[in-house]
Amino acid sequence: MPERTTVRLPDDLLLRAKRKAATEGRSLTALIEEGLRRVLDERSKPGAVRRVSLPVSSATGGVMPGIDIDNSAALQEMDDLEYLRRF
């Protein structure tokens, strides 16, 4: 026999769920049960995690000659000069 339980949901989510269940002509319990089964089945499948391919630069190099990345004042000055050149 199914077990009864209390679930606390945000008001807007509960309202949307009730509307969807009513539109589909089924109970809120059936809708929640289907959603839980989908989530649990999806997580139990190996390889269900979607891999994301991130773009990786193939550029080589580093800091331009004459630039000291430890000197923040000089970096700021170079940035300011570049900004002024654009005008």
N, C-alpha and C. Protein backbone atom coordinates (compact mmCIF):
# COMPACT_ATOMS: atom_id res chain seq x y z
N MET A 1 0.85 -1.19 0.00
CA MET A 1 0.00 0.00 0.00
C MET A 1 0.89 1.24 0.00
N PRO A 2 0.56 2.24 -0.81
CA PRO A 2 1.36 3.47 -0.87
C PRO A 2 1.38 4.19 0.47
N GLU A 3 2.50 4.80 0.74
CA GLU A 3 2.68 5.53 1.99
C GLU A 3 2.29 6.99 1.81
N ARG A 4 1.69 7.56 2.82
CA ARG A 4 1.35 8.98 2.79
C ARG A 4 2.52 9.77 3.34
N THR A 5 2.74 10.93 2.75
CA THR A 5 3.82 11.79 3.24
C THR A 5 3.43 13.24 3.00
N THR A 6 4.09 14.12 3.69
CA THR A 6 3.86 15.55 3.54
C THR A 6 5.04 16.14 2.78
N VAL A 7 4.73 16.92 1.78
CA VAL A 7 5.76 17.59 0.99
C VAL A 7 5.46 19.07 1.01
N ARG A 8 6.45 19.87 1.32
CA ARG A 8 6.27 21.32 1.32
C ARG A 8 6.84 21.87 0.02
N LEU A 9 6.01 22.56 -0.74
CA LEU A 9 6.41 23.13 -2.02
C LEU A 9 6.11 24.62 -2.04
N PRO A 10 6.89 25.38 -2.80
CA PRO A 10 6.57 26.80 -2.96
C PRO A 10 5.17 26.94 -3.57
N ASP A 11 4.46 27.97 -3.16
CA ASP A 11 3.08 28.17 -3.61
C ASP A 11 2.95 28.19 -5.13
N ASP A 12 3.87 28.90 -5.80
CA ASP A 12 3.76 29.01 -7.26
C ASP A 12 3.99 27.66 -7.94
N LEU A 13 4.91 26.86 -7.42
CA LEU A 13 5.17 25.54 -8.00
C LEU A 13 3.97 24.62 -7.80
N LEU A 14 3.39 24.65 -6.61
CA LEU A 14 2.23 23.83 -6.33
C LEU A 14 1.05 24.22 -7.22
N LEU A 15 0.84 25.50 -7.41
CA LEU A 15 -0.25 25.97 -8.26
C LEU A 15 -0.05 25.50 -9.70
N ARG A 16 1.18 25.63 -10.21
CA ARG A 16 1.47 25.16 -11.58
C ARG A 16 1.26 23.66 -11.71
N ALA A 17 1.68 22.91 -10.70
CA ALA A 17 1.53 21.46 -10.73
C ALA A 17 0.06 21.06 -10.72
N LYS A 18 -0.74 21.72 -9.89
CA LYS A 18 -2.16 21.42 -9.84
C LYS A 18 -2.84 21.72 -11.17
N ARG A 19 -2.47 22.84 -11.79
CA ARG A 19 -3.04 23.19 -13.08
C ARG A 19 -2.68 22.17 -14.15
N LYS A 20 -1.42 21.76 -14.16
CA LYS A 20 -0.97 20.77 -15.16
C LYS A 20 -1.69 19.45 -14.96
N ALA A 21 -1.80 19.01 -13.72
CA ALA A 21 -2.50 17.76 -13.43
C ALA A 21 -3.96 17.84 -13.88
N ALA A 22 -4.60 18.95 -13.59
CA ALA A 22 -6.00 19.13 -13.98
C ALA A 22 -6.15 19.15 -15.50
N THR A 23 -5.24 19.84 -16.16
CA THR A 23 -5.28 19.92 -17.63
C THR A 23 -5.14 18.53 -18.25
N GLU A 24 -4.31 17.70 -17.65
CA GLU A 24 -4.06 16.36 -18.17
C GLU A 24 -5.06 15.33 -17.63
N GLY A 25 -5.97 15.78 -16.76
CA GLY A 25 -6.99 14.89 -16.24
C GLY A 25 -6.46 13.82 -15.30
N ARG A 26 -5.47 14.17 -14.51
CA ARG A 26 -4.94 13.21 -13.54
C ARG A 26 -4.71 13.90 -12.21
N SER A 27 -4.36 13.11 -11.23
CA SER A 27 -4.19 13.67 -9.89
C SER A 27 -2.82 14.30 -9.72
N LEU A 28 -2.74 15.15 -8.72
CA LEU A 28 -1.46 15.77 -8.38
C LEU A 28 -0.47 14.69 -7.95
N THR A 29 -0.96 13.68 -7.24
CA THR A 29 -0.11 12.57 -6.81
C THR A 29 0.51 11.87 -8.01
N ALA A 30 -0.28 11.63 -9.05
CA ALA A 30 0.24 10.95 -10.25
C ALA A 30 1.30 11.80 -10.94
N LEU A 31 1.09 13.10 -10.97
CA LEU A 31 2.06 14.00 -11.59
C LEU A 31 3.38 13.99 -10.80
N ILE A 32 3.30 14.09 -9.49
CA ILE A 32 4.50 14.08 -8.65
C ILE A 32 5.21 12.74 -8.77
N GLU A 33 4.45 11.65 -8.77
CA GLU A 33 5.05 10.32 -8.89
C GLU A 33 5.81 10.18 -10.22
N GLU A 34 5.22 10.65 -11.31
CA GLU A 34 5.90 10.57 -12.61
C GLU A 34 7.19 11.39 -12.60
N GLY A 35 7.13 12.58 -12.03
CA GLY A 35 8.31 13.43 -11.98
C GLY A 35 9.43 12.80 -11.17
N LEU A 36 9.09 12.22 -10.02
CA LEU A 36 10.10 11.56 -9.20
C LEU A 36 10.71 10.36 -9.92
N ARG A 37 9.87 9.58 -10.59
CA ARG A 37 10.38 8.42 -11.33
C ARG A 37 11.34 8.85 -12.43
N ARG A 38 10.99 9.92 -13.14
CA ARG A 38 11.88 10.41 -14.21
C ARG A 38 13.23 10.84 -13.66
N VAL A 39 13.21 11.59 -12.60
CA VAL A 39 14.47 12.07 -12.01
C VAL A 39 15.30 10.91 -11.50
N LEU A 40 14.68 9.99 -10.81
CA LEU A 40 15.42 8.86 -10.24
C LEU A 40 15.93 7.92 -11.33
N ASP A 41 15.13 7.68 -12.37
CA ASP A 41 15.57 6.82 -13.47
C ASP A 41 16.72 7.46 -14.23
N GLU A 42 16.65 8.76 -14.44
CA GLU A 42 17.68 9.48 -15.17
C GLU A 42 19.02 9.41 -14.45
N ARG A 43 18.99 9.53 -13.14
CA ARG A 43 20.22 9.54 -12.36
C ARG A 43 20.83 8.15 -12.21
N SER A 44 20.01 7.11 -12.35
CA SER A 44 20.54 5.76 -12.17
C SER A 44 21.18 5.21 -13.43
N LYS A 45 20.96 5.85 -14.58
CA LYS A 45 21.54 5.38 -15.83
C LYS A 45 22.99 5.81 -15.92
N PRO A 46 23.89 4.87 -16.18
CA PRO A 46 25.28 5.28 -16.36
C PRO A 46 25.42 6.08 -17.65
N GLY A 47 26.22 7.08 -17.59
CA GLY A 47 26.43 7.92 -18.77
C GLY A 47 25.33 8.93 -19.00
N ALA A 48 24.39 9.02 -18.05
CA ALA A 48 23.29 9.97 -18.22
C ALA A 48 23.76 11.40 -18.00
N VAL A 49 24.94 11.57 -17.44
CA VAL A 49 25.47 12.90 -17.22
C VAL A 49 25.92 13.45 -18.56
N ARG A 50 25.44 14.61 -18.89
CA ARG A 50 25.78 15.23 -20.16
C ARG A 50 27.16 15.86 -20.07
N ARG A 51 28.03 15.45 -20.95
CA ARG A 51 29.37 16.02 -20.97
C ARG A 51 29.35 17.32 -21.75
N VAL A 52 30.08 18.27 -21.25
CA VAL A 52 30.15 19.58 -21.89
C VAL A 52 31.55 19.77 -22.43
N SER A 53 31.62 20.18 -23.68
CA SER A 53 32.91 20.44 -24.29
C SER A 53 33.19 21.93 -24.20
N LEU A 54 34.27 22.28 -23.52
CA LEU A 54 34.62 23.68 -23.35
C LEU A 54 35.66 24.09 -24.39
N PRO A 55 35.52 25.28 -24.92
CA PRO A 55 36.52 25.74 -25.89
C PRO A 55 37.86 25.98 -25.21
N VAL A 56 38.90 25.52 -25.83
CA VAL A 56 40.24 25.68 -25.29
C VAL A 56 41.10 26.37 -26.34
N SER A 57 41.78 27.40 -25.92
CA SER A 57 42.63 28.14 -26.84
C SER A 57 43.88 27.33 -27.16
N SER A 58 44.26 27.37 -28.42
CA SER A 58 45.49 26.71 -28.83
C SER A 58 46.62 27.73 -28.98
N ALA A 59 46.36 28.95 -28.56
CA ALA A 59 47.36 30.01 -28.67
C ALA A 59 48.52 29.72 -27.73
N THR A 60 49.69 30.11 -28.17
CA THR A 60 50.86 29.97 -27.31
C THR A 60 51.38 31.37 -27.01
N GLY A 61 52.30 31.45 -26.14
CA GLY A 61 52.86 32.76 -25.85
C GLY A 61 52.95 33.00 -24.38
N GLY A 62 52.48 34.11 -23.98
CA GLY A 62 52.56 34.50 -22.58
C GLY A 62 52.51 36.01 -22.53
N VAL A 63 53.25 36.55 -21.63
CA VAL A 63 53.27 37.99 -21.45
C VAL A 63 54.14 38.63 -22.53
N MET A 64 53.67 39.76 -23.04
CA MET A 64 54.46 40.48 -24.04
C MET A 64 55.78 40.95 -23.44
N PRO A 65 56.82 41.06 -24.25
CA PRO A 65 58.11 41.52 -23.74
C PRO A 65 57.99 42.88 -23.06
N GLY A 66 58.65 43.04 -21.94
CA GLY A 66 58.65 44.30 -21.22
C GLY A 66 57.51 44.47 -20.25
N ILE A 67 56.65 43.48 -20.11
CA ILE A 67 55.50 43.59 -19.22
C ILE A 67 55.78 42.80 -17.96
N ASP A 68 55.67 43.47 -16.82
CA ASP A 68 55.87 42.83 -15.52
C ASP A 68 54.51 42.67 -14.87
N ILE A 69 54.01 41.45 -14.83
CA ILE A 69 52.66 41.25 -14.30
C ILE A 69 52.59 41.43 -12.79
N ASP A 70 53.74 41.55 -12.14
CA ASP A 70 53.76 41.78 -10.70
C ASP A 70 53.67 43.27 -10.36
N ASN A 71 53.74 44.13 -11.37
CA ASN A 71 53.71 45.57 -11.16
C ASN A 71 52.33 46.08 -11.60
N SER A 72 51.38 46.11 -10.67
CA SER A 72 50.02 46.48 -11.03
C SER A 72 49.90 47.94 -11.46
N ALA A 73 50.73 48.81 -10.92
CA ALA A 73 50.67 50.22 -11.31
C ALA A 73 51.05 50.38 -12.78
N ALA A 74 52.10 49.66 -13.21
CA ALA A 74 52.52 49.72 -14.61
C ALA A 74 51.45 49.14 -15.52
N LEU A 75 50.80 48.05 -15.09
CA LEU A 75 49.72 47.46 -15.89
C LEU A 75 48.56 48.43 -16.03
N GLN A 76 48.22 49.10 -14.95
CA GLN A 76 47.13 50.07 -14.99
C GLN A 76 47.49 51.23 -15.92
N GLU A 77 48.73 51.68 -15.86
CA GLU A 77 49.17 52.77 -16.73
C GLU A 77 49.09 52.36 -18.19
N MET A 78 49.51 51.15 -18.51
CA MET A 78 49.42 50.67 -19.89
C MET A 78 47.98 50.60 -20.35
N ASP A 79 47.09 50.15 -19.47
CA ASP A 79 45.68 50.07 -19.79
C ASP A 79 45.11 51.46 -20.04
N ASP A 80 45.50 52.42 -19.19
CA ASP A 80 45.04 53.80 -19.37
C ASP A 80 45.54 54.38 -20.68
N LEU A 81 46.80 54.12 -21.03
CA LEU A 81 47.35 54.64 -22.28
C LEU A 81 46.64 54.04 -23.48
N GLU A 82 46.34 52.75 -23.42
CA GLU A 82 45.60 52.08 -24.50
C GLU A 82 44.20 52.69 -24.64
N TYR A 83 43.56 52.98 -23.52
CA TYR A 83 42.24 53.60 -23.53
C TYR A 83 42.30 54.97 -24.21
N LEU A 84 43.33 55.76 -23.89
CA LEU A 84 43.47 57.09 -24.49
C LEU A 84 43.76 57.01 -25.98
N ARG A 85 44.51 56.00 -26.41
CA ARG A 85 44.82 55.84 -27.85
C ARG A 85 43.56 55.60 -28.68
N ARG A 86 42.58 54.98 -28.07
CA ARG A 86 41.35 54.69 -28.82
C ARG A 86 40.53 55.94 -29.11
N PHE A 87 40.81 57.03 -28.40
CA PHE A 87 40.07 58.27 -28.62
C PHE A 87 40.80 59.15 -29.53
